[in-house]
């Protein structure tokens, strides 16, 4: 009887060790957990990748959603909170980050839609003026929280009061996931196509 117990314990340990741990995704040394809690809800890592500019690593990005999806239209319609996390791989001035933000919006949001969110764009732009650049190792969370709005935190510190329009948050997501994404190799990674 004892040998059956030993055999059962050995089999259990073998199976347990073979199961994948609830591991994080590693993007060039930057870690993204498989789940993240935003506004009390568990979000799933949809995908993660590295933003590069002329082969220079700028930041690692991760997209968290209530349900994984590879289609932008579905992502933009999802209920519940959403999160994009940027982990800085180099220092970036507020001016450069703000310019990249505006370039990304201009490339992916048409004039009529931009007119509807112009006040929110201005409010978000104020954030860049209030931050003395982003440093290597900084972590920026850009969250959509239903009933509150778009909320940004830098290293755990809230940067601006919430921006309430979901259309604004969806416009932000298009910077990375739109027709002219800021980085063509990052888009499929965030959509879960390149892990």
N, C-alpha and C. Protein backbone atom coordinates (compact mmCIF):
# COMPACT_ATOMS: atom_id res chain seq x y z
N UNK A 1 0.81 -1.19 0.00
CA UNK A 1 0.00 0.00 0.00
C UNK A 1 0.86 1.26 0.00
N UNK A 2 1.99 1.18 0.71
CA UNK A 2 2.87 2.34 0.79
C UNK A 2 3.46 2.69 -0.57
N UNK A 3 3.77 1.66 -1.36
CA UNK A 3 4.35 1.92 -2.67
C UNK A 3 3.35 2.64 -3.59
N UNK A 4 2.03 2.37 -3.41
CA UNK A 4 1.00 3.07 -4.20
C UNK A 4 0.96 4.55 -3.84
N UNK A 5 1.10 4.83 -2.54
CA UNK A 5 1.11 6.22 -2.09
C UNK A 5 2.32 6.95 -2.68
N UNK A 6 3.49 6.31 -2.61
CA UNK A 6 4.71 6.90 -3.16
C UNK A 6 4.56 7.14 -4.66
N UNK A 7 3.99 6.16 -5.36
CA UNK A 7 3.77 6.27 -6.79
C UNK A 7 2.80 7.42 -7.11
N UNK A 8 1.75 7.56 -6.33
CA UNK A 8 0.76 8.62 -6.54
C UNK A 8 1.38 10.00 -6.32
N UNK A 9 2.18 10.12 -5.25
CA UNK A 9 2.85 11.39 -4.97
C UNK A 9 3.82 11.72 -6.10
N UNK A 10 4.59 10.74 -6.55
CA UNK A 10 5.53 10.95 -7.65
C UNK A 10 4.83 11.37 -8.93
N UNK A 11 3.70 10.73 -9.23
CA UNK A 11 2.93 11.09 -10.43
C UNK A 11 2.39 12.51 -10.31
N UNK A 12 1.89 12.87 -9.12
CA UNK A 12 1.37 14.21 -8.90
C UNK A 12 2.45 15.26 -9.11
N UNK A 13 3.64 15.02 -8.53
CA UNK A 13 4.74 15.97 -8.67
C UNK A 13 5.18 16.09 -10.13
N UNK A 14 5.20 14.98 -10.84
CA UNK A 14 5.59 15.01 -12.25
C UNK A 14 4.61 15.84 -13.07
N UNK A 15 3.32 15.62 -12.86
CA UNK A 15 2.30 16.38 -13.59
C UNK A 15 2.36 17.85 -13.21
N UNK A 16 2.49 18.14 -11.92
CA UNK A 16 2.54 19.52 -11.44
C UNK A 16 3.73 20.27 -12.04
N UNK A 17 4.87 19.62 -12.09
CA UNK A 17 6.07 20.28 -12.63
C UNK A 17 5.96 20.47 -14.14
N UNK A 18 5.18 19.65 -14.81
CA UNK A 18 5.03 19.75 -16.26
C UNK A 18 4.05 20.85 -16.65
N UNK A 19 3.16 21.25 -15.73
CA UNK A 19 2.19 22.29 -16.04
C UNK A 19 2.88 23.64 -16.14
N UNK A 20 2.47 24.48 -17.09
CA UNK A 20 3.07 25.80 -17.16
C UNK A 20 2.64 26.64 -15.96
N UNK A 21 3.57 27.34 -15.41
CA UNK A 21 3.25 28.21 -14.27
C UNK A 21 2.48 29.42 -14.80
N UNK A 22 1.76 30.09 -13.93
CA UNK A 22 1.08 31.32 -14.30
C UNK A 22 2.17 32.35 -14.49
N UNK A 23 2.89 32.19 -15.57
CA UNK A 23 4.11 32.95 -15.80
C UNK A 23 3.83 34.28 -16.46
N UNK A 24 4.83 35.07 -16.41
CA UNK A 24 4.78 36.37 -17.07
C UNK A 24 5.39 36.23 -18.46
N UNK A 25 5.09 37.20 -19.30
CA UNK A 25 5.69 37.27 -20.63
C UNK A 25 6.90 38.19 -20.51
N UNK A 26 8.01 37.76 -21.08
CA UNK A 26 9.23 38.55 -21.06
C UNK A 26 9.45 39.17 -22.43
N UNK A 27 9.59 40.50 -22.44
CA UNK A 27 9.87 41.22 -23.68
C UNK A 27 11.21 41.93 -23.48
N UNK A 28 12.26 41.32 -23.98
CA UNK A 28 13.61 41.90 -23.87
C UNK A 28 13.96 42.31 -22.44
N UNK A 29 13.56 41.46 -21.48
CA UNK A 29 13.88 41.74 -20.08
C UNK A 29 12.81 42.52 -19.33
N UNK A 30 11.76 42.93 -20.02
CA UNK A 30 10.64 43.64 -19.38
C UNK A 30 9.50 42.64 -19.21
N UNK A 31 8.99 42.57 -17.99
CA UNK A 31 8.04 41.52 -17.60
C UNK A 31 6.61 42.03 -17.61
N UNK A 32 5.72 41.23 -18.21
CA UNK A 32 4.29 41.52 -18.22
C UNK A 32 3.57 40.31 -17.64
N UNK A 33 2.86 40.52 -16.54
CA UNK A 33 2.11 39.43 -15.92
C UNK A 33 0.98 39.00 -16.84
N UNK A 34 0.56 37.74 -16.73
CA UNK A 34 -0.53 37.22 -17.56
C UNK A 34 -1.87 37.88 -17.25
N UNK A 35 -2.03 38.36 -16.02
CA UNK A 35 -3.25 39.07 -15.64
C UNK A 35 -2.87 40.35 -14.90
N UNK A 36 -3.78 41.29 -14.90
CA UNK A 36 -3.60 42.56 -14.21
C UNK A 36 -4.95 42.97 -13.68
N UNK A 37 -4.99 43.54 -12.50
CA UNK A 37 -6.27 43.98 -11.92
C UNK A 37 -6.41 45.49 -12.13
N UNK A 38 -7.52 45.87 -12.78
CA UNK A 38 -7.83 47.29 -13.01
C UNK A 38 -9.27 47.51 -12.58
N UNK A 39 -9.48 48.47 -11.72
CA UNK A 39 -10.81 48.81 -11.22
C UNK A 39 -11.52 47.57 -10.66
N UNK A 40 -10.76 46.73 -9.98
CA UNK A 40 -11.33 45.54 -9.34
C UNK A 40 -11.61 44.38 -10.27
N UNK A 41 -11.27 44.50 -11.55
CA UNK A 41 -11.52 43.44 -12.53
C UNK A 41 -10.20 42.84 -13.00
N UNK A 42 -10.19 41.52 -13.18
CA UNK A 42 -9.00 40.85 -13.72
C UNK A 42 -8.99 40.97 -15.23
N UNK A 43 -7.91 41.51 -15.76
CA UNK A 43 -7.73 41.64 -17.20
C UNK A 43 -6.67 40.64 -17.66
N UNK A 44 -6.80 40.17 -18.91
CA UNK A 44 -5.85 39.21 -19.48
C UNK A 44 -4.88 39.93 -20.40
N UNK A 45 -3.63 39.49 -20.36
CA UNK A 45 -2.63 40.04 -21.28
C UNK A 45 -2.97 39.56 -22.68
N UNK A 46 -3.35 40.50 -23.52
CA UNK A 46 -3.70 40.18 -24.91
C UNK A 46 -2.44 39.96 -25.73
N UNK A 47 -1.41 40.76 -25.46
CA UNK A 47 -0.14 40.65 -26.16
C UNK A 47 0.83 41.69 -25.65
N UNK A 48 2.10 41.50 -25.95
CA UNK A 48 3.14 42.43 -25.51
C UNK A 48 4.27 42.42 -26.53
N UNK A 49 4.95 43.55 -26.65
CA UNK A 49 6.06 43.64 -27.60
C UNK A 49 6.90 44.88 -27.33
N UNK A 50 7.91 45.06 -28.15
CA UNK A 50 8.86 46.17 -27.99
C UNK A 50 8.64 47.22 -29.06
N UNK A 51 8.56 48.47 -28.64
CA UNK A 51 8.51 49.61 -29.57
C UNK A 51 9.95 50.00 -29.85
N UNK A 52 10.32 49.96 -31.12
CA UNK A 52 11.66 50.38 -31.51
C UNK A 52 11.57 51.52 -32.50
N UNK A 53 12.61 52.33 -32.52
CA UNK A 53 12.71 53.42 -33.48
C UNK A 53 14.14 53.42 -33.99
N UNK A 54 14.30 53.12 -35.26
CA UNK A 54 15.62 52.99 -35.87
C UNK A 54 16.48 52.01 -35.07
N UNK A 55 15.95 50.85 -34.79
CA UNK A 55 16.54 49.74 -34.03
C UNK A 55 16.82 50.05 -32.55
N UNK A 56 16.49 51.24 -32.09
CA UNK A 56 16.68 51.59 -30.68
C UNK A 56 15.41 51.24 -29.92
N UNK A 57 15.56 50.49 -28.83
CA UNK A 57 14.42 50.12 -28.00
C UNK A 57 13.92 51.36 -27.24
N UNK A 58 12.63 51.67 -27.40
CA UNK A 58 12.05 52.83 -26.74
C UNK A 58 11.26 52.40 -25.50
N UNK A 59 10.32 51.46 -25.67
CA UNK A 59 9.57 50.93 -24.53
C UNK A 59 8.99 49.57 -24.89
N UNK A 60 8.74 48.79 -23.84
CA UNK A 60 7.98 47.55 -23.99
C UNK A 60 6.54 47.89 -23.66
N UNK A 61 5.61 47.34 -24.45
CA UNK A 61 4.20 47.64 -24.26
C UNK A 61 3.41 46.35 -24.08
N UNK A 62 2.40 46.42 -23.22
CA UNK A 62 1.49 45.29 -23.01
C UNK A 62 0.06 45.79 -23.03
N UNK A 63 -0.82 45.01 -23.66
CA UNK A 63 -2.24 45.36 -23.75
C UNK A 63 -3.04 44.36 -22.93
N UNK A 64 -3.83 44.87 -21.97
CA UNK A 64 -4.67 44.04 -21.11
C UNK A 64 -6.14 44.31 -21.40
N UNK A 65 -6.90 43.22 -21.58
CA UNK A 65 -8.32 43.31 -21.94
C UNK A 65 -9.15 42.35 -21.10
N UNK A 66 -10.48 42.60 -21.01
CA UNK A 66 -11.35 41.64 -20.32
C UNK A 66 -11.34 40.28 -21.03
N UNK A 67 -11.33 40.30 -22.36
CA UNK A 67 -11.28 39.08 -23.17
C UNK A 67 -10.27 39.28 -24.29
N UNK A 68 -9.43 38.28 -24.52
CA UNK A 68 -8.43 38.38 -25.58
C UNK A 68 -9.10 38.51 -26.94
N UNK A 69 -8.46 39.29 -27.83
CA UNK A 69 -8.98 39.47 -29.18
C UNK A 69 -7.84 39.87 -30.11
N UNK A 70 -7.96 39.44 -31.37
CA UNK A 70 -6.98 39.83 -32.39
C UNK A 70 -7.55 40.86 -33.35
N UNK A 71 -8.80 41.30 -33.09
CA UNK A 71 -9.49 42.24 -33.98
C UNK A 71 -9.69 43.59 -33.30
N UNK A 72 -9.18 44.65 -33.92
CA UNK A 72 -9.29 45.98 -33.34
C UNK A 72 -10.75 46.37 -33.09
N UNK A 73 -11.64 46.09 -34.04
CA UNK A 73 -13.06 46.46 -33.87
C UNK A 73 -13.64 45.83 -32.61
N UNK A 74 -13.31 44.58 -32.33
CA UNK A 74 -13.79 43.90 -31.11
C UNK A 74 -13.19 44.53 -29.86
N UNK A 75 -11.90 44.84 -29.92
CA UNK A 75 -11.22 45.44 -28.77
C UNK A 75 -11.86 46.78 -28.41
N UNK A 76 -12.17 47.59 -29.42
CA UNK A 76 -12.74 48.91 -29.17
C UNK A 76 -14.16 48.83 -28.58
N UNK A 77 -14.85 47.72 -28.78
CA UNK A 77 -16.23 47.55 -28.28
C UNK A 77 -16.29 46.85 -26.93
N UNK A 78 -15.18 46.33 -26.43
CA UNK A 78 -15.22 45.55 -25.19
C UNK A 78 -15.70 46.39 -24.01
N UNK A 79 -16.59 45.78 -23.23
CA UNK A 79 -17.04 46.40 -21.99
C UNK A 79 -15.98 46.17 -20.92
N UNK A 80 -16.04 46.99 -19.91
CA UNK A 80 -15.12 46.80 -18.79
C UNK A 80 -13.83 47.57 -18.98
N UNK A 81 -12.97 47.52 -17.97
CA UNK A 81 -11.72 48.26 -18.03
C UNK A 81 -10.76 47.66 -19.06
N UNK A 82 -9.83 48.48 -19.50
CA UNK A 82 -8.75 48.06 -20.40
C UNK A 82 -7.49 48.78 -19.96
N UNK A 83 -6.35 48.23 -20.32
CA UNK A 83 -5.07 48.85 -19.91
C UNK A 83 -4.03 48.66 -21.00
N UNK A 84 -3.27 49.73 -21.22
CA UNK A 84 -2.03 49.63 -22.00
C UNK A 84 -0.92 50.04 -21.02
N UNK A 85 0.11 49.21 -20.93
CA UNK A 85 1.23 49.48 -20.04
C UNK A 85 2.48 49.70 -20.88
N UNK A 86 3.19 50.78 -20.59
CA UNK A 86 4.47 51.07 -21.25
C UNK A 86 5.57 51.01 -20.19
N UNK A 87 6.59 50.21 -20.45
CA UNK A 87 7.77 50.15 -19.58
C UNK A 87 8.93 50.73 -20.39
N UNK A 88 9.42 51.86 -19.92
CA UNK A 88 10.40 52.61 -20.69
C UNK A 88 11.76 51.90 -20.74
N UNK A 89 12.30 51.79 -21.96
CA UNK A 89 13.61 51.17 -22.18
C UNK A 89 14.70 52.22 -22.36
N UNK A 90 14.29 53.48 -22.44
CA UNK A 90 15.25 54.59 -22.55
C UNK A 90 14.59 55.87 -22.07
N UNK A 91 15.38 56.90 -21.84
CA UNK A 91 14.82 58.20 -21.46
C UNK A 91 14.19 58.85 -22.68
N UNK A 92 13.02 59.47 -22.47
CA UNK A 92 12.33 60.20 -23.53
C UNK A 92 11.83 61.52 -22.93
N UNK A 93 12.14 62.63 -23.59
CA UNK A 93 11.69 63.93 -23.07
C UNK A 93 10.18 64.05 -23.20
N UNK A 94 9.59 64.91 -22.38
CA UNK A 94 8.15 65.16 -22.46
C UNK A 94 7.77 65.66 -23.84
N UNK A 95 8.60 66.50 -24.40
CA UNK A 95 8.34 67.05 -25.73
C UNK A 95 8.30 65.95 -26.79
N UNK A 96 9.28 65.05 -26.75
CA UNK A 96 9.32 63.95 -27.73
C UNK A 96 8.15 62.99 -27.54
N UNK A 97 7.81 62.69 -26.29
CA UNK A 97 6.70 61.78 -26.02
C UNK A 97 5.38 62.42 -26.47
N UNK A 98 5.21 63.69 -26.18
CA UNK A 98 4.00 64.41 -26.59
C UNK A 98 3.88 64.48 -28.11
N UNK A 99 5.00 64.69 -28.79
CA UNK A 99 4.99 64.75 -30.26
C UNK A 99 4.63 63.38 -30.83
N UNK A 100 5.19 62.31 -30.27
CA UNK A 100 4.88 60.96 -30.74
C UNK A 100 3.40 60.65 -30.53
N UNK A 101 2.84 61.10 -29.41
CA UNK A 101 1.42 60.92 -29.11
C UNK A 101 0.57 61.62 -30.17
N UNK A 102 0.89 62.88 -30.47
CA UNK A 102 0.12 63.63 -31.46
C UNK A 102 0.30 63.05 -32.86
N UNK A 103 1.51 62.65 -33.21
CA UNK A 103 1.74 62.03 -34.53
C UNK A 103 0.92 60.75 -34.67
N UNK A 104 0.88 59.94 -33.60
CA UNK A 104 0.12 58.70 -33.61
C UNK A 104 -1.37 58.94 -33.78
N UNK A 105 -1.88 59.97 -33.10
CA UNK A 105 -3.30 60.32 -33.25
C UNK A 105 -3.58 60.82 -34.66
N UNK A 106 -2.73 61.74 -35.15
CA UNK A 106 -2.93 62.31 -36.48
C UNK A 106 -2.90 61.25 -37.57
N UNK A 107 -2.08 60.23 -37.40
CA UNK A 107 -1.96 59.16 -38.40
C UNK A 107 -3.14 58.20 -38.38
N UNK A 108 -3.86 58.12 -37.27
CA UNK A 108 -4.87 57.06 -37.11
C UNK A 108 -6.29 57.52 -36.80
N UNK A 109 -6.47 58.82 -36.61
CA UNK A 109 -7.80 59.34 -36.30
C UNK A 109 -8.13 60.44 -37.30
N UNK A 110 -9.29 60.34 -37.97
CA UNK A 110 -9.63 61.34 -38.98
C UNK A 110 -10.03 62.66 -38.32
N UNK A 111 -10.06 63.73 -39.13
CA UNK A 111 -10.31 65.08 -38.62
C UNK A 111 -11.64 65.20 -37.89
N UNK A 112 -12.69 64.60 -38.45
CA UNK A 112 -14.02 64.70 -37.84
C UNK A 112 -14.03 64.07 -36.45
N UNK A 113 -13.40 62.92 -36.33
CA UNK A 113 -13.36 62.24 -35.03
C UNK A 113 -12.49 63.02 -34.05
N UNK A 114 -11.39 63.57 -34.56
CA UNK A 114 -10.48 64.34 -33.70
C UNK A 114 -11.18 65.59 -33.17
N UNK A 115 -12.04 66.20 -33.99
CA UNK A 115 -12.79 67.38 -33.55
C UNK A 115 -13.67 67.06 -32.34
N UNK A 116 -14.22 65.84 -32.31
CA UNK A 116 -15.10 65.45 -31.21
C UNK A 116 -14.36 65.27 -29.89
N UNK A 117 -13.05 65.01 -29.97
CA UNK A 117 -12.28 64.74 -28.75
C UNK A 117 -11.17 65.78 -28.51
N UNK A 118 -11.29 66.93 -29.18
CA UNK A 118 -10.23 67.95 -29.10
C UNK A 118 -9.99 68.41 -27.65
N UNK A 119 -11.05 68.55 -26.86
CA UNK A 119 -10.87 68.98 -25.46
C UNK A 119 -10.10 67.93 -24.67
N UNK A 120 -10.40 66.65 -24.93
CA UNK A 120 -9.71 65.57 -24.23
C UNK A 120 -8.24 65.49 -24.64
N UNK A 121 -7.99 65.73 -25.92
CA UNK A 121 -6.60 65.74 -26.40
C UNK A 121 -5.82 66.84 -25.69
N UNK A 122 -6.45 68.01 -25.55
CA UNK A 122 -5.79 69.12 -24.85
C UNK A 122 -5.49 68.79 -23.41
N UNK A 123 -6.47 68.16 -22.74
CA UNK A 123 -6.28 67.78 -21.33
C UNK A 123 -5.16 66.77 -21.19
N UNK A 124 -5.13 65.80 -22.11
CA UNK A 124 -4.09 64.78 -22.08
C UNK A 124 -2.73 65.41 -22.37
N UNK A 125 -2.71 66.38 -23.29
CA UNK A 125 -1.47 67.09 -23.61
C UNK A 125 -0.89 67.83 -22.41
N UNK A 126 -1.76 68.32 -21.54
CA UNK A 126 -1.30 69.01 -20.32
C UNK A 126 -0.46 68.08 -19.46
N UNK A 127 -0.79 66.78 -19.53
CA UNK A 127 -0.04 65.80 -18.76
C UNK A 127 1.44 65.83 -19.13
N UNK A 128 1.72 65.93 -20.44
CA UNK A 128 3.11 65.92 -20.88
C UNK A 128 3.85 67.15 -20.39
N UNK A 129 3.15 68.28 -20.33
CA UNK A 129 3.77 69.51 -19.84
C UNK A 129 4.11 69.39 -18.35
N UNK A 130 3.32 68.59 -17.62
CA UNK A 130 3.53 68.46 -16.18
C UNK A 130 4.53 67.39 -15.77
N UNK A 131 5.07 66.65 -16.73
CA UNK A 131 6.01 65.57 -16.43
C UNK A 131 7.37 65.94 -17.01
N UNK A 132 8.39 65.78 -16.20
CA UNK A 132 9.74 66.12 -16.65
C UNK A 132 10.35 64.94 -17.40
N UNK A 133 9.68 64.50 -18.45
CA UNK A 133 10.18 63.39 -19.26
C UNK A 133 9.94 62.04 -18.61
N UNK A 134 10.15 61.01 -19.41
CA UNK A 134 10.05 59.63 -18.93
C UNK A 134 11.46 59.05 -18.90
N UNK A 135 11.76 58.34 -17.83
CA UNK A 135 13.10 57.78 -17.63
C UNK A 135 13.10 56.28 -17.86
N UNK A 136 14.25 55.75 -18.23
CA UNK A 136 14.39 54.31 -18.39
C UNK A 136 13.96 53.64 -17.09
N UNK A 137 13.08 52.63 -17.20
CA UNK A 137 12.57 51.92 -16.03
C UNK A 137 11.22 52.43 -15.55
N UNK A 138 10.80 53.62 -16.01
CA UNK A 138 9.48 54.13 -15.63
C UNK A 138 8.39 53.22 -16.20
N UNK A 139 7.27 53.15 -15.48
CA UNK A 139 6.12 52.36 -15.92
C UNK A 139 4.91 53.29 -16.01
N UNK A 140 4.34 53.36 -17.22
CA UNK A 140 3.17 54.20 -17.47
C UNK A 140 1.98 53.30 -17.78
N UNK A 141 0.91 53.43 -16.97
CA UNK A 141 -0.34 52.72 -17.23
C UNK A 141 -1.34 53.72 -17.80
N UNK A 142 -1.96 53.36 -18.91
CA UNK A 142 -3.04 54.16 -19.49
C UNK A 142 -4.28 53.26 -19.45
N UNK A 143 -5.19 53.57 -18.54
CA UNK A 143 -6.35 52.71 -18.27
C UNK A 143 -7.65 53.34 -18.73
N UNK A 144 -8.56 52.49 -19.19
CA UNK A 144 -9.95 52.89 -19.38
C UNK A 144 -10.74 52.27 -18.23
N UNK A 145 -11.41 53.13 -17.46
CA UNK A 145 -12.21 52.67 -16.33
C UNK A 145 -13.64 53.15 -16.55
N UNK A 146 -14.56 52.21 -16.87
CA UNK A 146 -15.95 52.60 -17.10
C UNK A 146 -16.52 53.39 -15.92
N UNK A 147 -17.26 54.44 -16.24
CA UNK A 147 -17.85 55.28 -15.20
C UNK A 147 -16.89 56.34 -14.69
N UNK A 148 -15.63 56.25 -15.07
CA UNK A 148 -14.63 57.23 -14.66
C UNK A 148 -13.96 57.85 -15.88
N UNK A 149 -13.32 57.00 -16.71
CA UNK A 149 -12.68 57.51 -17.92
C UNK A 149 -11.27 57.00 -18.08
N UNK A 150 -10.50 57.73 -18.90
CA UNK A 150 -9.09 57.40 -19.12
C UNK A 150 -8.29 57.95 -17.95
N UNK A 151 -7.51 57.07 -17.34
CA UNK A 151 -6.67 57.44 -16.19
C UNK A 151 -5.24 57.03 -16.50
N UNK A 152 -4.29 57.92 -16.22
CA UNK A 152 -2.87 57.62 -16.44
C UNK A 152 -2.12 57.65 -15.12
N UNK A 153 -1.28 56.64 -14.94
CA UNK A 153 -0.42 56.58 -13.76
C UNK A 153 1.01 56.36 -14.20
N UNK A 154 1.91 57.13 -13.64
CA UNK A 154 3.34 56.97 -13.89
C UNK A 154 3.99 56.52 -12.59
N UNK A 155 4.54 55.31 -12.60
CA UNK A 155 5.15 54.72 -11.40
C UNK A 155 4.20 54.76 -10.21
N UNK A 156 2.92 54.48 -10.46
CA UNK A 156 1.92 54.41 -9.39
C UNK A 156 1.31 55.74 -9.00
N UNK A 157 1.77 56.85 -9.61
CA UNK A 157 1.24 58.17 -9.27
C UNK A 157 0.32 58.65 -10.39
N UNK A 158 -0.90 59.02 -10.00
CA UNK A 158 -1.89 59.51 -10.98
C UNK A 158 -1.39 60.81 -11.59
N UNK A 159 -1.43 60.89 -12.92
CA UNK A 159 -0.92 62.07 -13.61
C UNK A 159 -1.98 63.13 -13.88
N UNK A 160 -3.19 62.69 -14.26
CA UNK A 160 -4.25 63.64 -14.58
C UNK A 160 -5.56 63.10 -14.05
N UNK A 161 -6.51 64.02 -13.90
CA UNK A 161 -7.86 63.58 -13.58
C UNK A 161 -8.38 62.83 -14.79
N UNK A 162 -9.33 61.99 -14.61
CA UNK A 162 -9.80 61.13 -15.69
C UNK A 162 -10.38 61.94 -16.85
N UNK A 163 -10.21 61.39 -18.05
CA UNK A 163 -10.79 61.95 -19.27
C UNK A 163 -11.95 61.04 -19.62
N UNK A 164 -13.22 61.52 -19.53
CA UNK A 164 -14.37 60.62 -19.50
C UNK A 164 -14.82 59.96 -20.82
N UNK A 165 -14.40 60.40 -21.96
CA UNK A 165 -14.95 59.90 -23.23
C UNK A 165 -14.25 58.62 -23.71
N UNK A 166 -15.01 57.53 -23.87
CA UNK A 166 -14.44 56.26 -24.35
C UNK A 166 -13.86 56.41 -25.75
N UNK A 167 -14.41 57.33 -26.54
CA UNK A 167 -13.88 57.57 -27.88
C UNK A 167 -12.44 58.06 -27.84
N UNK A 168 -12.12 58.82 -26.78
CA UNK A 168 -10.74 59.28 -26.61
C UNK A 168 -9.82 58.09 -26.33
N UNK A 169 -10.24 57.20 -25.43
CA UNK A 169 -9.41 56.04 -25.11
C UNK A 169 -9.21 55.17 -26.36
N UNK A 170 -10.29 54.98 -27.12
CA UNK A 170 -10.18 54.19 -28.34
C UNK A 170 -9.25 54.84 -29.35
N UNK A 171 -9.24 56.17 -29.39
CA UNK A 171 -8.31 56.89 -30.27
C UNK A 171 -6.87 56.63 -29.83
N UNK A 172 -6.65 56.62 -28.50
CA UNK A 172 -5.31 56.31 -27.99
C UNK A 172 -4.87 54.91 -28.41
N UNK A 173 -5.76 53.93 -28.29
CA UNK A 173 -5.41 52.56 -28.67
C UNK A 173 -4.99 52.47 -30.14
N UNK A 174 -5.61 53.31 -30.97
CA UNK A 174 -5.27 53.28 -32.41
C UNK A 174 -3.83 53.72 -32.67
N UNK A 175 -3.22 54.44 -31.74
CA UNK A 175 -1.80 54.81 -31.90
C UNK A 175 -0.98 53.54 -32.12
N UNK A 176 -1.32 52.48 -31.40
CA UNK A 176 -0.58 51.22 -31.49
C UNK A 176 -1.27 50.19 -32.39
N UNK A 177 -2.61 50.29 -32.51
CA UNK A 177 -3.36 49.24 -33.19
C UNK A 177 -4.08 49.70 -34.47
N UNK A 178 -3.93 50.96 -34.84
CA UNK A 178 -4.63 51.50 -35.99
C UNK A 178 -4.02 51.09 -37.32
N UNK A 179 -4.54 51.68 -38.40
CA UNK A 179 -4.06 51.37 -39.75
C UNK A 179 -2.61 51.78 -39.97
N UNK A 180 -2.19 52.84 -39.28
CA UNK A 180 -0.80 53.32 -39.38
C UNK A 180 -0.18 53.33 -37.98
N UNK A 181 0.05 52.15 -37.41
CA UNK A 181 0.54 52.09 -36.03
C UNK A 181 1.92 52.71 -35.88
N UNK A 182 2.21 53.13 -34.68
CA UNK A 182 3.49 53.76 -34.38
C UNK A 182 4.66 52.81 -34.67
N UNK A 183 4.40 51.51 -34.60
CA UNK A 183 5.45 50.51 -34.85
C UNK A 183 4.76 49.28 -35.48
N UNK A 184 5.09 48.99 -36.73
CA UNK A 184 4.40 47.91 -37.45
C UNK A 184 4.67 46.53 -36.87
N UNK A 185 5.77 46.34 -36.17
CA UNK A 185 6.02 45.03 -35.55
C UNK A 185 5.39 44.93 -34.16
N UNK A 186 5.13 46.07 -33.53
CA UNK A 186 4.50 46.07 -32.21
C UNK A 186 3.01 45.73 -32.29
N UNK A 187 2.34 46.21 -33.33
CA UNK A 187 0.90 45.98 -33.47
C UNK A 187 0.54 44.49 -33.40
N UNK A 188 1.14 43.61 -34.24
CA UNK A 188 0.77 42.20 -34.13
C UNK A 188 1.12 41.58 -32.78
N UNK A 189 2.18 42.07 -32.16
CA UNK A 189 2.55 41.55 -30.84
C UNK A 189 1.46 41.89 -29.81
N UNK A 190 0.94 43.11 -29.85
CA UNK A 190 -0.13 43.51 -28.92
C UNK A 190 -1.43 42.76 -29.21
N UNK A 191 -1.62 42.39 -30.47
CA UNK A 191 -2.81 41.64 -30.86
C UNK A 191 -2.66 40.14 -30.60
N UNK A 192 -1.53 39.76 -30.02
CA UNK A 192 -1.32 38.36 -29.64
C UNK A 192 -0.86 37.48 -30.76
N UNK A 193 -0.40 38.07 -31.86
CA UNK A 193 0.04 37.27 -33.01
C UNK A 193 1.51 36.90 -32.94
N UNK A 194 2.27 37.57 -32.08
CA UNK A 194 3.71 37.30 -32.05
C UNK A 194 4.20 37.26 -30.61
N UNK A 195 4.04 36.11 -29.98
CA UNK A 195 4.49 35.98 -28.58
C UNK A 195 5.81 35.29 -28.51
